[in-house]
Structure formats: structure tokens, C-alpha cells
Amino acid sequence: MEQIASHSPHDAVFKHLLSQRATARDFLHIHLPKHLREQCDLRTLQLESGSFIEEDLRASHSDILYSLKTHGGEGYIYILIEHQSSPDRHMAFRLMRYAIAAMQRHLDKGHHQLPLVIPLLFITAGPAPTRIQRAGWMAFHSQRWPSGCIAGVFL
């Protein structure tokens, strides 16, 4: 069995579990919002190789990328596993960067249309996810702008 590198035993366990297609499918069926779940065919999940996490963040983060079929064509679900004790005020921005990196990889493979990429944040320590999400919008001067423009696209 392939070893999964991680500096946190929690991250390694979660990454190992979520790297199993059946486990990931069950996890996504439970945790994806209904309006997104209805767009995705979770039976077509395929684990993709590689990572988008910067070298300096790999000690506290792991990621998994799944491709799948959606009602609109090909798509991806990007799962970021974070083991961090304090909120990152730029988390929403980082998730957008990783989603865009997945889109770029898709285009680099010769596709001509941008795919749907659903970024998910899974926190293994620290504050509740809702507090992390709110902290992400605090990085903007006006919180109304990003939540109205960006959240409708990514959430």
C-alpha cells in the first residue's frame, strides 16, 4: 500500500480515508450541499494525482483532487485537509487559487472549456468551519462584495 506523506498523523488518516473512492463518495454524499450534489455523479469519482499546496504549507495541509462527471460535463472536487489551530484569514482566497489551479490543469490536458471545481475545506483542529469561512471574507475591505459575487460561484 502506498504511504501518504504528512507531518500530522490526523491529516494522514483523513487523507488515507478520503483517498478511498467508496469512502469519499459516502463523505461527499453527506457533506456536499444538495444543490451541488444533484449536479454531480458521485459514482464516477476518480482520484487525481498531485497537490496544489505550497511547499511551506505542506506541514499543516493535505489535499485531494477527484474528477467526476457533472450534468454540465467534466468536473472536480478539491478537498483541502487542514490541521491548524488558528484561522487563516485568507483561506477563501487560497481555496479559490487551488480551484483555479485545478481548472488550469484541466485546460493543460487539452480541454477547451473550464470545468466545475467544488472546493471543500476539512478542518481537523481549531475553530469551527463557519468561523473559518467568515474569517476568509474578512480579508476584503467590504465583506458584502465577495460573499455576493464569489460565493454564488464556488458554494
C-alpha atoms as a PDB file:
ATOM      1  CA  MET A   1       0.000   0.000   0.000  1.00  0.00           C
ATOM      2  CA  GLU A   2       1.259   3.482  -0.858  1.00  0.00           C
ATOM      3  CA  GLN A   3       2.404   5.614   2.080  1.00  0.00           C
ATOM      4  CA  ILE A   4       0.762   9.024   2.340  1.00  0.00           C
ATOM      5  CA  ALA A   5       3.247  11.675   3.418  1.00  0.00           C
ATOM      6  CA  SER A   6       2.045  14.104   6.050  1.00  0.00           C
ATOM      7  CA  HIS A   7       3.557  15.753   9.090  1.00  0.00           C
ATOM      8  CA  SER A   8       0.304  15.362  11.016  1.00  0.00           C
ATOM      9  CA  PRO A   9      -0.995  11.878  11.841  1.00  0.00           C
ATOM     10  CA  HIS A  10      -4.546  13.285  11.713  1.00  0.00           C
ATOM     11  CA  ASP A  11      -4.018  14.568   8.171  1.00  0.00           C
ATOM     12  CA  ALA A  12      -2.540  11.236   7.082  1.00  0.00           C
ATOM     13  CA  VAL A  13      -5.546   9.320   8.420  1.00  0.00           C
ATOM     14  CA  PHE A  14      -8.088  11.679   6.838  1.00  0.00           C
ATOM     15  CA  LYS A  15      -6.207  11.752   3.547  1.00  0.00           C
ATOM     16  CA  HIS A  16      -5.956   7.965   3.507  1.00  0.00           C
ATOM     17  CA  LEU A  17      -9.674   7.571   4.211  1.00  0.00           C
ATOM     18  CA  LEU A  18     -10.751  10.211   1.708  1.00  0.00           C
ATOM     19  CA  SER A  19      -8.434   8.710  -0.924  1.00  0.00           C
ATOM     20  CA  GLN A  20     -10.627   5.602  -0.888  1.00  0.00           C
ATOM     21  CA  ARG A  21     -13.250   6.104  -3.590  1.00  0.00           C
ATOM     22  CA  ALA A  22     -16.138   4.484  -1.694  1.00  0.00           C
ATOM     23  CA  THR A  23     -15.358   6.441   1.479  1.00  0.00           C
ATOM     24  CA  ALA A  24     -15.030   9.692  -0.469  1.00  0.00           C
ATOM     25  CA  ARG A  25     -18.327   9.040  -2.235  1.00  0.00           C
ATOM     26  CA  ASP A  26     -20.100   8.490   1.118  1.00  0.00           C
ATOM     27  CA  PHE A  27     -18.399  11.545   2.655  1.00  0.00           C
ATOM     28  CA  LEU A  28     -19.381  13.757  -0.283  1.00  0.00           C
ATOM     29  CA  HIS A  29     -22.924  12.424  -0.323  1.00  0.00           C
ATOM     30  CA  ILE A  30     -23.261  13.509   3.307  1.00  0.00           C
ATOM     31  CA  HIS A  31     -21.355  16.814   3.200  1.00  0.00           C
ATOM     32  CA  LEU A  32     -21.950  18.315  -0.246  1.00  0.00           C
ATOM     33  CA  PRO A  33     -24.846  20.768  -0.267  1.00  0.00           C
ATOM     34  CA  LYS A  34     -27.858  19.276  -2.034  1.00  0.00           C
ATOM     35  CA  HIS A  35     -27.772  21.726  -4.959  1.00  0.00           C
ATOM     36  CA  LEU A  36     -24.162  20.715  -5.716  1.00  0.00           C
ATOM     37  CA  ARG A  37     -24.670  17.010  -5.043  1.00  0.00           C
ATOM     38  CA  GLU A  38     -27.504  16.985  -7.582  1.00  0.00           C
ATOM     39  CA  GLN A  39     -25.108  18.308 -10.251  1.00  0.00           C
ATOM     40  CA  CYS A  40     -22.507  15.586  -9.612  1.00  0.00           C
ATOM     41  CA  ASP A  41     -22.438  11.907 -10.486  1.00  0.00           C
ATOM     42  CA  LEU A  42     -20.532  10.625  -7.451  1.00  0.00           C
ATOM     43  CA  ARG A  43     -20.395   7.138  -8.999  1.00  0.00           C
ATOM     44  CA  THR A  44     -17.819   8.492 -11.480  1.00  0.00           C
ATOM     45  CA  LEU A  45     -15.283   9.729  -8.889  1.00  0.00           C
ATOM     46  CA  GLN A  46     -11.683   9.230  -9.999  1.00  0.00           C
ATOM     47  CA  LEU A  47      -8.744  10.110  -7.749  1.00  0.00           C
ATOM     48  CA  GLU A  48      -6.323  12.502  -9.484  1.00  0.00           C
ATOM     49  CA  SER A  49      -2.607  12.697  -8.712  1.00  0.00           C
ATOM     50  CA  GLY A  50      -0.663  15.704  -7.477  1.00  0.00           C
ATOM     51  CA  SER A  51      -1.070  18.527  -4.992  1.00  0.00           C
ATOM     52  CA  PHE A  52      -1.642  22.271  -5.247  1.00  0.00           C
ATOM     53  CA  ILE A  53      -0.393  23.121  -1.745  1.00  0.00           C
ATOM     54  CA  GLU A  54       2.640  25.361  -1.491  1.00  0.00           C
ATOM     55  CA  GLU A  55       5.771  23.758  -0.018  1.00  0.00           C
ATOM     56  CA  ASP A  56       5.704  25.917   3.132  1.00  0.00           C
ATOM     57  CA  LEU A  57       2.128  24.825   3.966  1.00  0.00           C
ATOM     58  CA  ARG A  58       2.551  21.073   3.499  1.00  0.00           C
ATOM     59  CA  ALA A  59       3.351  20.534   7.185  1.00  0.00           C
ATOM     60  CA  SER A  60      -0.189  21.532   8.160  1.00  0.00           C
ATOM     61  CA  HIS A  61      -2.232  20.850   4.993  1.00  0.00           C
ATOM     62  CA  SER A  62      -3.055  17.947   2.701  1.00  0.00           C
ATOM     63  CA  ASP A  63      -5.197  17.915  -0.402  1.00  0.00           C
ATOM     64  CA  ILE A  64      -7.075  15.503  -2.629  1.00  0.00           C
ATOM     65  CA  LEU A  65      -8.478  16.093  -6.092  1.00  0.00           C
ATOM     66  CA  TYR A  66     -11.237  13.958  -7.570  1.00  0.00           C
ATOM     67  CA  SER A  67     -12.535  14.211 -11.113  1.00  0.00           C
ATOM     68  CA  LEU A  68     -16.132  13.279 -11.861  1.00  0.00           C
ATOM     69  CA  LYS A  69     -18.930  13.728 -14.354  1.00  0.00           C
ATOM     70  CA  THR A  70     -21.415  16.527 -13.759  1.00  0.00           C
ATOM     71  CA  HIS A  71     -24.619  17.495 -15.531  1.00  0.00           C
ATOM     72  CA  GLY A  72     -22.572  20.165 -17.312  1.00  0.00           C
ATOM     73  CA  GLY A  73     -19.648  17.934 -18.322  1.00  0.00           C
ATOM     74  CA  GLU A  74     -16.422  17.151 -16.518  1.00  0.00           C
ATOM     75  CA  GLY A  75     -15.801  18.498 -13.052  1.00  0.00           C
ATOM     76  CA  TYR A  76     -13.638  18.204  -9.973  1.00  0.00           C
ATOM     77  CA  ILE A  77     -13.992  18.146  -6.230  1.00  0.00           C
ATOM     78  CA  TYR A  78     -10.978  19.567  -4.435  1.00  0.00           C
ATOM     79  CA  ILE A  79     -10.652  18.639  -0.757  1.00  0.00           C
ATOM     80  CA  LEU A  80      -8.257  20.608   1.436  1.00  0.00           C
ATOM     81  CA  ILE A  81      -7.466  18.983   4.783  1.00  0.00           C
ATOM     82  CA  GLU A  82      -6.121  21.474   7.288  1.00  0.00           C
ATOM     83  CA  HIS A  83      -4.621  20.810  10.708  1.00  0.00           C
ATOM     84  CA  GLN A  84      -4.209  24.305  12.111  1.00  0.00           C
ATOM     85  CA  SER A  85      -5.097  25.773  15.483  1.00  0.00           C
ATOM     86  CA  SER A  86      -5.893  29.319  14.350  1.00  0.00           C
ATOM     87  CA  PRO A  87      -7.979  30.661  11.459  1.00  0.00           C
ATOM     88  CA  ASP A  88      -6.323  31.717   8.218  1.00  0.00           C
ATOM     89  CA  ARG A  89      -7.909  34.980   7.114  1.00  0.00           C
ATOM     90  CA  HIS A  90      -7.004  34.212   3.500  1.00  0.00           C
ATOM     91  CA  MET A  91      -8.470  30.691   3.429  1.00  0.00           C
ATOM     92  CA  ALA A  92     -11.257  31.590   0.974  1.00  0.00           C
ATOM     93  CA  PHE A  93      -8.672  33.159  -1.339  1.00  0.00           C
ATOM     94  CA  ARG A  94      -6.394  30.094  -1.107  1.00  0.00           C
ATOM     95  CA  LEU A  95      -9.314  27.789  -1.913  1.00  0.00           C
ATOM     96  CA  MET A  96     -10.059  29.908  -4.987  1.00  0.00           C
ATOM     97  CA  ARG A  97      -6.391  29.697  -6.060  1.00  0.00           C
ATOM     98  CA  TYR A  98      -6.417  25.907  -5.711  1.00  0.00           C
ATOM     99  CA  ALA A  99      -9.703  25.667  -7.636  1.00  0.00           C
ATOM    100  CA  ILE A 100      -8.218  27.814 -10.410  1.00  0.00           C
ATOM    101  CA  ALA A 101      -5.089  25.614 -10.421  1.00  0.00           C
ATOM    102  CA  ALA A 102      -7.340  22.574 -10.960  1.00  0.00           C
ATOM    103  CA  MET A 103      -9.039  24.418 -13.836  1.00  0.00           C
ATOM    104  CA  GLN A 104      -5.644  25.238 -15.357  1.00  0.00           C
ATOM    105  CA  ARG A 105      -4.558  21.595 -15.103  1.00  0.00           C
ATOM    106  CA  HIS A 106      -7.777  20.634 -16.900  1.00  0.00           C
ATOM    107  CA  LEU A 107      -7.047  23.114 -19.713  1.00  0.00           C
ATOM    108  CA  ASP A 108      -3.420  21.931 -19.907  1.00  0.00           C
ATOM    109  CA  LYS A 109      -4.718  18.433 -20.674  1.00  0.00           C
ATOM    110  CA  GLY A 110      -6.194  19.811 -23.897  1.00  0.00           C
ATOM    111  CA  HIS A 111      -9.728  20.631 -22.806  1.00  0.00           C
ATOM    112  CA  HIS A 112     -11.220  23.865 -24.112  1.00  0.00           C
ATOM    113  CA  GLN A 113     -13.931  24.561 -21.527  1.00  0.00           C
ATOM    114  CA  LEU A 114     -13.466  25.361 -17.856  1.00  0.00           C
ATOM    115  CA  PRO A 115     -14.764  22.629 -15.563  1.00  0.00           C
ATOM    116  CA  LEU A 116     -16.837  22.962 -12.428  1.00  0.00           C
ATOM    117  CA  VAL A 117     -14.482  22.772  -9.422  1.00  0.00           C
ATOM    118  CA  ILE A 118     -16.033  22.404  -5.983  1.00  0.00           C
ATOM    119  CA  PRO A 119     -13.533  23.260  -3.226  1.00  0.00           C
ATOM    120  CA  LEU A 120     -14.154  21.741   0.212  1.00  0.00           C
ATOM    121  CA  LEU A 121     -12.307  22.594   3.415  1.00  0.00           C
ATOM    122  CA  PHE A 122     -11.997  19.877   6.048  1.00  0.00           C
ATOM    123  CA  ILE A 123     -10.566  21.102   9.357  1.00  0.00           C
ATOM    124  CA  THR A 124      -9.026  18.549  11.719  1.00  0.00           C
ATOM    125  CA  ALA A 125      -8.271  21.019  14.552  1.00  0.00           C
ATOM    126  CA  GLY A 126      -9.010  24.560  15.632  1.00  0.00           C
ATOM    127  CA  PRO A 127     -12.089  26.753  15.159  1.00  0.00           C
ATOM    128  CA  ALA A 128     -15.383  25.618  13.709  1.00  0.00           C
ATOM    129  CA  PRO A 129     -15.598  25.752   9.894  1.00  0.00           C
ATOM    130  CA  THR A 130     -18.188  28.527   9.880  1.00  0.00           C
ATOM    131  CA  ARG A 131     -15.775  30.749  11.784  1.00  0.00           C
ATOM    132  CA  ILE A 132     -13.022  29.928   9.286  1.00  0.00           C
ATOM    133  CA  GLN A 133     -15.288  30.759   6.340  1.00  0.00           C
ATOM    134  CA  ARG A 134     -16.274  34.093   7.836  1.00  0.00           C
ATOM    135  CA  ALA A 135     -12.622  34.858   8.586  1.00  0.00           C
ATOM    136  CA  GLY A 136     -11.861  34.334   4.891  1.00  0.00           C
ATOM    137  CA  TRP A 137     -14.220  37.125   3.861  1.00  0.00           C
ATOM    138  CA  MET A 138     -12.725  39.448   6.484  1.00  0.00           C
ATOM    139  CA  ALA A 139      -9.643  39.846   4.264  1.00  0.00           C
ATOM    140  CA  PHE A 140     -11.713  42.022   1.900  1.00  0.00           C
ATOM    141  CA  HIS A 141     -12.393  45.691   2.614  1.00  0.00           C
ATOM    142  CA  SER A 142     -16.117  45.113   2.060  1.00  0.00           C
ATOM    143  CA  GLN A 143     -17.450  41.683   3.068  1.00  0.00           C
ATOM    144  CA  ARG A 144     -20.657  42.159   1.056  1.00  0.00           C
ATOM    145  CA  TRP A 145     -18.863  42.190  -2.294  1.00  0.00           C
ATOM    146  CA  PRO A 146     -17.095  38.788  -2.173  1.00  0.00           C
ATOM    147  CA  SER A 147     -19.920  36.940  -0.485  1.00  0.00           C
ATOM    148  CA  GLY A 148     -22.344  38.156  -3.140  1.00  0.00           C
ATOM    149  CA  CYS A 149     -20.104  37.690  -6.172  1.00  0.00           C
ATOM    150  CA  ILE A 150     -17.795  34.814  -5.329  1.00  0.00           C
ATOM    151  CA  ALA A 151     -19.875  32.645  -3.009  1.00  0.00           C
ATOM    152  CA  GLY A 152     -22.524  32.150  -5.662  1.00  0.00           C
ATOM    153  CA  VAL A 153     -19.897  30.677  -7.972  1.00  0.00           C
ATOM    154  CA  PHE A 154     -17.995  28.469  -5.531  1.00  0.00           C
ATOM    155  CA  LEU A 155     -20.500  27.463  -2.866  1.00  0.00           C
END
